[in-house]
Amino acid sequence: MAFSKMMFLFSKFQQGVGILAKSTTFAKSPRQLQFEADINKLFMFTSYNRLGRNAEEADAEEIIEIAGKATLFEQQKQVQENIHYQVQNFCSSMDEILLTDIDKTKEELNKPGSESRRDNNVSAADKPIVPETKPLKLAEVSHRLKDRIGYTLQIKPSLIPHKDAGQGCFIEGEADVGAVLAFYPGVIYSPAFYRYIPGYPNVDAQNSYLITGYDGTVINAQPWGRGGESREVWNGSFTTPEIRTDTTTAENGSSKVWKMLSRPLGDLGSVEAVLEMRNPLAFGHFINHPGKDMEPNVMMCPYDFPLPETEMRAYIPNVAFGNTGDIKMGRFGSFLSRTGNNSSLDARVLKTLVLVATKALCNEELMLNDRLSNSEKRLEWYIPLDEQEDRREWS
């Protein structure tokens, strides 16, 4: 079967990564090797998913051939295109479920002057507009979403046989390989703002809902919890702790820089956005690491959400601490001519994370390889898998 061929390629690719990791040339950068391996997988998983269930063997072979020739940068662009395509479909479904007047809402979001709102640079008299939505509870929204896309998520006691397993995240329904199953919600911290993560520097002491991307971006899902029952202006419920500096330090170049970086953020810390708290897929932070004799069935995928997509913004369950939207110079474009258009994109983005299915799934618990590389802090429940680098643990 076509998919078995793809899995064979994944296996061969992973073998190659293992060989390279032992080389003195490449061993100094295992994180980069793992990143490239993940992007290669994501390229094939999400491209295969986008072709749909009617894809033929020749389609899968085409994806495999392209994966072997495309550069890492080209594969990254295609992954972004594939993920964005799925997120668009999800947002359209949520609009159909929740909006009382879709056309009116879109018109409001695209009015002149909305640029200031979408970038969160608003005055007290120009707060973000919260559009009218149907008075549905999260449970009902979740049920209706399943009817439209074939699956939703449930939070219930984990099936992992360990006393610390706690709650787990389950897919209710069916999803194909490469499907976007969950968002990782919460407050996004770029490396420049690490010191503002609650509890810094021991940020993980009382918080197991932190995840780190390959670029060093940290998302704290603790403020999101289980979402809510309405659409509202959300600021992540974080505070801006005072940063202390050593006043006896001489005023040399480095100390000046440190003082500049250590100043309170003021309004920069008060980032807010209109978010839909009833997002049934905003539960990536409840996905557990596999137990003994279990295997992961989802993987993390970076997703740069373009902030000018105001009609979709409410369904991206994240805010960036310090209002740090990155400038993204790039291009969404598909290698597969049947799967989308080529449109230029030069926009501010929100650097988020989504969880992608690595196999066909049906009514089961989701598992993510946490990749906890810090052996000194490794917890009793953690079972190392055959991959590298950390994800959840702050190190």
Protein backbone atom coordinates (compact mmCIF):
# COMPACT_ATOMS: atom_id res chain seq x y z
CA MET A 1 0.00 0.00 0.00
CA ALA A 2 1.04 3.58 -0.62
CA PHE A 3 1.05 4.50 3.05
CA SER A 4 3.23 1.50 3.95
CA LYS A 5 5.77 2.82 1.45
CA MET A 6 5.71 6.19 3.19
CA MET A 7 6.25 4.56 6.57
CA PHE A 8 9.17 2.61 5.13
CA LEU A 9 10.70 5.91 4.00
CA PHE A 10 10.21 7.39 7.48
CA SER A 11 12.04 4.41 8.94
CA LYS A 12 14.93 4.73 6.49
CA PHE A 13 15.13 8.45 7.15
CA GLN A 14 15.28 7.91 10.90
CA GLN A 15 18.04 5.36 10.42
CA GLY A 16 19.97 7.98 8.49
CA VAL A 17 19.48 10.49 11.28
CA GLY A 18 20.84 7.95 13.77
CA ILE A 19 23.95 7.40 11.67
CA LEU A 20 24.56 11.12 11.22
CA ALA A 21 24.13 11.73 14.94
CA LYS A 22 27.13 9.50 15.61
CA SER A 23 29.32 11.46 13.22
CA THR A 24 31.74 13.94 14.80
CA THR A 25 30.66 16.40 12.11
CA PHE A 26 27.01 16.37 13.02
CA ALA A 27 26.94 15.18 16.65
CA LYS A 28 27.44 18.76 17.88
CA SER A 29 23.97 19.67 16.60
CA PRO A 30 21.51 16.87 17.45
CA ARG A 31 18.72 19.43 17.86
CA GLN A 32 19.10 20.50 14.23
CA LEU A 33 19.12 16.87 13.10
CA GLN A 34 15.91 16.17 14.99
CA PHE A 35 14.33 19.31 13.58
CA GLU A 36 15.12 18.26 10.03
CA ALA A 37 13.80 14.76 10.70
CA ASP A 38 10.56 16.18 12.09
CA ILE A 39 10.06 18.57 9.17
CA ASN A 40 10.60 15.70 6.74
CA LYS A 41 7.93 13.66 8.52
CA LEU A 42 5.55 16.59 8.75
CA PHE A 43 6.00 17.33 5.06
CA MET A 44 4.94 13.82 4.11
CA PHE A 45 2.22 13.43 6.75
CA THR A 46 0.49 16.73 6.04
CA SER A 47 0.90 16.55 2.25
CA TYR A 48 -0.59 13.06 2.24
CA ASN A 49 -3.47 14.27 4.39
CA ARG A 50 -4.17 17.18 2.08
CA LEU A 51 -4.56 14.89 -0.92
CA GLY A 52 -7.43 13.21 0.93
CA ARG A 53 -8.70 9.68 1.28
CA ASN A 54 -9.11 9.35 -2.48
CA ALA A 55 -5.38 9.69 -3.05
CA GLU A 56 -3.84 7.02 -5.24
CA GLU A 57 -0.53 5.23 -4.91
CA ALA A 58 0.99 7.51 -7.54
CA ASP A 59 0.12 10.52 -5.36
CA ALA A 60 1.96 9.08 -2.38
CA GLU A 61 4.94 8.21 -4.55
CA GLU A 62 5.00 11.79 -5.80
CA ILE A 63 5.14 13.09 -2.22
CA ILE A 64 7.96 10.69 -1.40
CA GLU A 65 9.90 11.79 -4.48
CA ILE A 66 9.46 15.47 -3.66
CA ALA A 67 10.51 14.87 -0.04
CA GLY A 68 13.77 13.41 -1.28
CA LYS A 69 14.54 16.43 -3.49
CA ALA A 70 13.10 19.45 -1.70
CA THR A 71 15.32 21.54 0.53
CA LEU A 72 14.54 21.93 4.22
CA PHE A 73 13.31 25.48 3.58
CA GLU A 74 11.00 24.29 0.80
CA GLN A 75 9.61 21.53 3.01
CA GLN A 76 9.00 24.02 5.82
CA LYS A 77 7.03 26.28 3.49
CA GLN A 78 4.91 23.37 2.30
CA VAL A 79 4.21 22.25 5.86
CA GLN A 80 3.04 25.80 6.70
CA GLU A 81 0.80 25.78 3.63
CA ASN A 82 -0.68 22.41 4.54
CA ILE A 83 -1.29 23.34 8.19
CA HIS A 84 -2.79 26.71 7.25
CA TYR A 85 -5.16 24.96 4.84
CA GLN A 86 -6.45 22.75 7.65
CA VAL A 87 -6.70 25.61 10.13
CA GLN A 88 -8.73 27.61 7.61
CA ASN A 89 -11.20 24.73 7.29
CA PHE A 90 -11.41 24.41 11.07
CA CYS A 91 -12.06 28.14 11.48
CA SER A 92 -14.77 28.05 8.81
CA SER A 93 -16.48 25.24 10.69
CA MET A 94 -16.29 27.18 13.95
CA ASP A 95 -17.77 30.25 12.26
CA GLU A 96 -20.70 28.17 11.04
CA ILE A 97 -21.23 26.84 14.56
CA LEU A 98 -20.88 30.07 16.55
CA LEU A 99 -21.47 33.20 14.52
CA THR A 100 -24.96 34.65 14.30
CA ASP A 101 -24.11 36.67 11.20
CA ILE A 102 -20.91 35.58 9.47
CA ASP A 103 -20.95 38.31 6.82
CA LYS A 104 -21.52 41.06 9.38
CA THR A 105 -18.70 39.77 11.59
CA LYS A 106 -16.26 39.61 8.68
CA GLU A 107 -17.20 43.15 7.67
CA GLU A 108 -16.58 44.40 11.22
CA LEU A 109 -13.20 42.69 11.48
CA ASN A 110 -12.04 44.19 8.20
CA LYS A 111 -13.15 47.77 8.81
CA PRO A 112 -10.52 50.51 8.36
CA GLY A 113 -8.65 50.91 11.61
CA SER A 114 -8.88 47.27 12.56
CA GLU A 115 -5.14 47.00 11.94
CA SER A 116 -4.51 48.59 15.33
CA ARG A 117 -6.79 46.07 16.99
CA ARG A 118 -5.21 43.07 15.32
CA ASP A 119 -1.76 44.19 16.46
CA ASN A 120 -3.08 44.87 19.98
CA ASN A 121 -1.90 48.49 19.91
CA VAL A 122 -5.18 49.86 21.24
CA SER A 123 -6.12 52.77 23.45
CA ALA A 124 -8.53 52.53 26.35
CA ALA A 125 -11.27 53.91 24.11
CA ASP A 126 -10.54 51.49 21.25
CA LYS A 127 -10.71 48.06 22.80
CA PRO A 128 -10.95 44.96 20.61
CA ILE A 129 -14.47 44.27 19.41
CA VAL A 130 -16.09 41.07 20.66
CA PRO A 131 -18.59 39.97 18.00
CA GLU A 132 -21.93 38.46 18.92
CA THR A 133 -21.91 34.67 19.06
CA LYS A 134 -24.48 31.99 19.77
CA PRO A 135 -24.90 31.16 23.50
CA LEU A 136 -23.55 27.62 23.17
CA LYS A 137 -21.57 25.79 25.82
CA LEU A 138 -18.19 24.27 25.04
CA ALA A 139 -19.66 20.75 25.13
CA GLU A 140 -22.23 21.63 22.46
CA VAL A 141 -19.63 23.37 20.30
CA SER A 142 -17.46 20.27 20.58
CA HIS A 143 -20.34 18.01 19.54
CA ARG A 144 -21.16 20.16 16.51
CA LEU A 145 -17.52 20.35 15.47
CA LYS A 146 -17.32 16.56 15.40
CA ASP A 147 -20.33 16.47 13.09
CA ARG A 148 -18.50 18.76 10.67
CA ILE A 149 -14.88 17.58 10.66
CA GLY A 150 -15.25 14.04 11.99
CA TYR A 151 -13.52 14.42 15.34
CA THR A 152 -13.19 16.50 18.48
CA LEU A 153 -11.26 16.21 21.75
CA GLN A 154 -12.23 15.09 25.26
CA ILE A 155 -10.38 15.51 28.54
CA LYS A 156 -10.80 12.55 30.90
CA PRO A 157 -8.65 10.31 33.13
CA SER A 158 -5.63 9.00 31.27
CA LEU A 159 -5.32 5.29 30.46
CA ILE A 160 -1.58 5.34 31.16
CA PRO A 161 -0.98 2.90 34.06
CA HIS A 162 0.83 5.33 36.32
CA LYS A 163 -0.37 7.13 39.45
CA ASP A 164 0.81 10.50 38.11
CA ALA A 165 -0.84 10.18 34.70
CA GLY A 166 -3.77 12.40 35.72
CA GLN A 167 -5.99 13.71 32.94
CA GLY A 168 -5.43 12.74 29.33
CA CYS A 169 -6.54 14.08 25.96
CA PHE A 170 -8.63 11.75 23.80
CA ILE A 171 -9.79 12.00 20.22
CA GLU A 172 -13.51 11.34 19.87
CA GLY A 173 -14.19 10.27 16.30
CA GLU A 174 -11.75 9.51 13.50
CA ALA A 175 -8.85 11.42 11.95
CA ASP A 176 -6.41 10.54 9.19
CA VAL A 177 -2.63 10.71 9.35
CA GLY A 178 -1.42 14.30 9.03
CA ALA A 179 -4.56 15.84 10.56
CA VAL A 180 -4.21 18.83 12.88
CA LEU A 181 -5.71 17.44 16.08
CA ALA A 182 -4.94 20.11 18.66
CA PHE A 183 -3.57 23.56 19.33
CA TYR A 184 -1.14 24.17 22.18
CA PRO A 185 -2.85 27.15 23.89
CA GLY A 186 -1.55 29.84 26.19
CA VAL A 187 0.96 32.66 26.49
CA ILE A 188 3.89 32.71 24.06
CA TYR A 189 7.30 33.85 25.28
CA SER A 190 10.15 34.54 22.91
CA PRO A 191 13.68 34.01 24.37
CA ALA A 192 13.93 37.77 25.04
CA PHE A 193 11.08 37.45 27.57
CA TYR A 194 11.99 34.23 29.39
CA ARG A 195 12.49 36.13 32.65
CA TYR A 196 8.81 37.09 32.63
CA ILE A 197 7.60 33.50 32.73
CA PRO A 198 5.95 33.01 36.15
CA GLY A 199 8.36 31.35 38.58
CA TYR A 200 11.50 32.23 36.61
CA PRO A 201 14.14 30.81 36.70
CA ASN A 202 12.54 27.63 38.10
CA VAL A 203 9.57 27.93 35.80
CA ASP A 204 8.69 24.24 35.75
CA ALA A 205 8.66 23.79 39.53
CA GLN A 206 4.88 24.20 39.78
CA ASN A 207 3.94 24.13 36.10
CA SER A 208 3.87 21.05 33.87
CA TYR A 209 2.11 22.91 31.05
CA LEU A 210 5.18 24.42 29.38
CA ILE A 211 6.40 23.45 25.94
CA THR A 212 9.43 24.65 23.98
CA GLY A 213 9.72 24.88 20.21
CA TYR A 214 12.88 24.35 18.19
CA ASP A 215 13.34 28.11 17.87
CA GLY A 216 13.34 28.51 21.66
CA THR A 217 9.79 29.88 21.87
CA VAL A 218 8.05 28.79 25.08
CA ILE A 219 4.29 28.44 25.43
CA ASN A 220 2.76 28.46 28.91
CA ALA A 221 -0.66 26.77 28.76
CA GLN A 222 -1.36 27.01 32.48
CA PRO A 223 -3.39 30.27 32.20
CA TRP A 224 -5.63 28.74 29.51
CA GLY A 225 -6.63 25.73 31.61
CA ARG A 226 -9.73 24.21 30.04
CA GLY A 227 -10.76 27.31 28.15
CA GLY A 228 -14.13 28.85 28.90
CA GLU A 229 -17.75 29.23 27.86
CA SER A 230 -17.67 32.39 25.75
CA ARG A 231 -15.73 34.55 23.33
CA GLU A 232 -13.91 37.24 25.22
CA VAL A 233 -10.94 39.56 25.42
CA TRP A 234 -8.15 37.42 26.87
CA ASN A 235 -4.77 38.59 28.10
CA GLY A 236 -3.36 35.33 29.44
CA SER A 237 -3.97 36.37 33.06
CA PHE A 238 -0.26 36.95 33.54
CA THR A 239 1.56 39.57 35.56
CA THR A 240 4.80 41.42 34.90
CA PRO A 241 7.17 40.75 37.81
CA GLU A 242 9.72 43.37 38.75
CA ILE A 243 13.23 42.52 37.55
CA ARG A 244 15.94 43.36 40.05
CA THR A 245 19.34 44.55 38.97
CA ASP A 246 22.58 44.95 40.90
CA THR A 247 22.83 48.71 41.48
CA THR A 248 26.47 48.40 42.51
CA THR A 249 27.51 47.13 39.10
CA ALA A 250 29.70 49.53 37.19
CA GLU A 251 28.10 51.32 34.26
CA ASN A 252 29.96 49.40 31.61
CA GLY A 253 28.51 48.38 28.27
CA SER A 254 27.10 45.04 29.38
CA SER A 255 25.45 46.42 32.52
CA LYS A 256 23.76 49.16 30.50
CA VAL A 257 22.34 46.55 28.17
CA TRP A 258 21.14 44.48 31.12
CA LYS A 259 19.42 47.47 32.72
CA MET A 260 17.74 48.29 29.44
CA LEU A 261 16.47 44.73 29.06
CA SER A 262 15.40 44.58 32.71
CA ARG A 263 13.08 47.57 32.68
CA PRO A 264 9.41 46.80 33.40
CA LEU A 265 7.44 46.14 30.25
CA GLY A 266 4.57 48.42 31.14
CA ASP A 267 1.89 48.27 28.44
CA LEU A 268 3.89 45.73 26.46
CA GLY A 269 2.97 43.11 29.01
CA SER A 270 -0.75 43.78 28.74
CA VAL A 271 -1.32 42.01 25.44
CA GLU A 272 -4.92 41.08 24.78
CA ALA A 273 -6.90 39.59 21.94
CA VAL A 274 -10.46 38.47 21.30
CA LEU A 275 -10.28 34.70 21.60
CA GLU A 276 -12.88 31.96 21.43
CA MET A 277 -12.52 30.18 24.75
CA ARG A 278 -14.87 27.41 23.55
CA ASN A 279 -12.25 26.05 21.14
CA PRO A 280 -12.70 22.23 21.29
CA LEU A 281 -9.18 21.62 19.92
CA ALA A 282 -7.30 23.89 22.35
CA PHE A 283 -6.23 21.04 24.61
CA GLY A 284 -2.76 20.11 23.38
CA HIS A 285 -1.39 20.69 26.88
CA PHE A 286 -3.32 17.66 28.20
CA ILE A 287 -1.58 15.21 25.84
CA ASN A 288 0.59 12.84 27.87
CA HIS A 289 3.88 11.10 27.21
CA PRO A 290 3.38 7.40 26.31
CA GLY A 291 3.53 4.79 29.02
CA LYS A 292 5.36 1.49 28.86
CA ASP A 293 4.70 -0.45 25.64
CA MET A 294 2.85 2.58 24.22
CA GLU A 295 3.85 4.71 21.25
CA PRO A 296 3.28 8.38 20.43
CA ASN A 297 0.56 9.02 17.86
CA VAL A 298 0.94 12.79 17.48
CA MET A 299 3.91 15.10 16.92
CA MET A 300 4.52 18.76 17.47
CA CYS A 301 4.46 21.11 14.49
CA PRO A 302 5.42 24.81 14.45
CA TYR A 303 2.75 26.96 12.84
CA ASP A 304 3.30 30.64 12.06
CA PHE A 305 -0.18 32.11 12.11
CA PRO A 306 -0.41 35.27 9.95
CA LEU A 307 -1.95 37.97 12.16
CA PRO A 308 -3.66 39.83 9.27
CA GLU A 309 -6.00 36.82 9.02
CA THR A 310 -8.42 38.63 11.35
CA GLU A 311 -11.36 36.37 10.52
CA MET A 312 -9.44 33.38 11.93
CA ARG A 313 -7.69 35.07 14.85
CA ALA A 314 -10.31 34.23 17.50
CA TYR A 315 -9.68 30.51 17.03
CA ILE A 316 -5.91 30.67 17.60
CA PRO A 317 -5.76 30.19 21.41
CA ASN A 318 -2.60 32.16 22.09
CA VAL A 319 -1.33 35.62 22.96
CA ALA A 320 2.29 36.72 22.70
CA PHE A 321 3.86 38.19 25.82
CA GLY A 322 5.28 41.62 25.04
CA ASN A 323 3.27 41.91 21.81
CA THR A 324 6.08 40.26 19.90
CA GLY A 325 4.62 39.33 16.54
CA ASP A 326 7.49 38.42 14.23
CA ILE A 327 7.87 39.77 10.70
CA LYS A 328 7.51 36.86 8.35
CA MET A 329 8.97 37.35 4.89
CA GLY A 330 7.88 34.33 2.98
CA ARG A 331 5.54 32.73 0.55
CA PHE A 332 2.78 30.21 0.97
CA GLY A 333 2.95 27.92 -2.02
CA SER A 334 2.23 24.32 -2.87
CA PHE A 335 4.56 21.92 -4.62
CA LEU A 336 1.48 19.90 -5.49
CA SER A 337 -0.38 21.90 -8.12
CA ARG A 338 -3.68 20.35 -7.07
CA THR A 339 -3.42 21.52 -3.48
CA GLY A 340 -3.69 25.25 -3.39
CA ASN A 341 -2.60 28.55 -4.80
CA ASN A 342 0.65 30.47 -4.62
CA SER A 343 0.14 33.74 -2.77
CA SER A 344 2.73 36.10 -1.40
CA LEU A 345 2.78 36.69 2.32
CA ASP A 346 4.59 39.49 4.07
CA ALA A 347 3.00 39.80 7.46
CA ARG A 348 3.35 39.67 11.20
CA VAL A 349 2.94 36.17 12.55
CA LEU A 350 2.18 34.51 15.86
CA LYS A 351 4.59 31.63 16.41
CA THR A 352 2.31 28.86 17.65
CA LEU A 353 2.38 25.06 17.90
CA VAL A 354 -0.14 22.48 16.74
CA LEU A 355 -0.24 18.70 17.22
CA VAL A 356 -0.42 16.52 14.10
CA ALA A 357 -1.54 12.88 13.84
CA THR A 358 1.24 10.45 12.88
CA LYS A 359 -1.22 7.64 12.16
CA ALA A 360 -4.92 7.11 11.49
CA LEU A 361 -6.73 7.51 14.82
CA CYS A 362 -10.12 6.47 16.18
CA ASN A 363 -11.47 7.04 19.71
CA GLU A 364 -8.17 6.75 21.56
CA GLU A 365 -5.86 8.66 23.86
CA LEU A 366 -3.36 11.01 22.24
CA MET A 367 0.33 10.54 23.09
CA LEU A 368 3.25 12.91 22.48
CA ASN A 369 6.94 12.14 22.94
CA ASP A 370 7.89 14.75 25.56
CA ARG A 371 11.62 14.30 24.83
CA LEU A 372 12.81 15.18 28.31
CA SER A 373 16.56 15.32 27.82
CA ASN A 374 17.55 16.54 31.29
CA SER A 375 18.33 13.30 33.15
CA GLU A 376 18.77 15.07 36.50
CA LYS A 377 15.14 16.16 36.48
CA ARG A 378 13.69 13.09 34.77
CA LEU A 379 10.50 12.02 36.50
CA GLU A 380 9.54 8.51 37.52
CA TRP A 381 6.84 8.20 34.87
CA TYR A 382 9.11 9.24 31.99
CA ILE A 383 10.10 6.46 29.58
CA PRO A 384 12.72 7.61 27.03
CA LEU A 385 11.93 6.92 23.36
CA ASP A 386 14.34 6.69 20.46
CA GLU A 387 14.43 10.39 19.68
CA GLN A 388 16.35 13.44 20.90
CA GLU A 389 15.86 16.80 22.56
CA ASP A 390 13.42 18.14 25.09
CA ARG A 391 9.90 19.46 24.62
CA ARG A 392 8.04 20.02 27.86
CA GLU A 393 10.85 20.36 30.36
CA TRP A 394 12.55 23.66 31.05
CA SER A 395 16.31 23.06 31.09
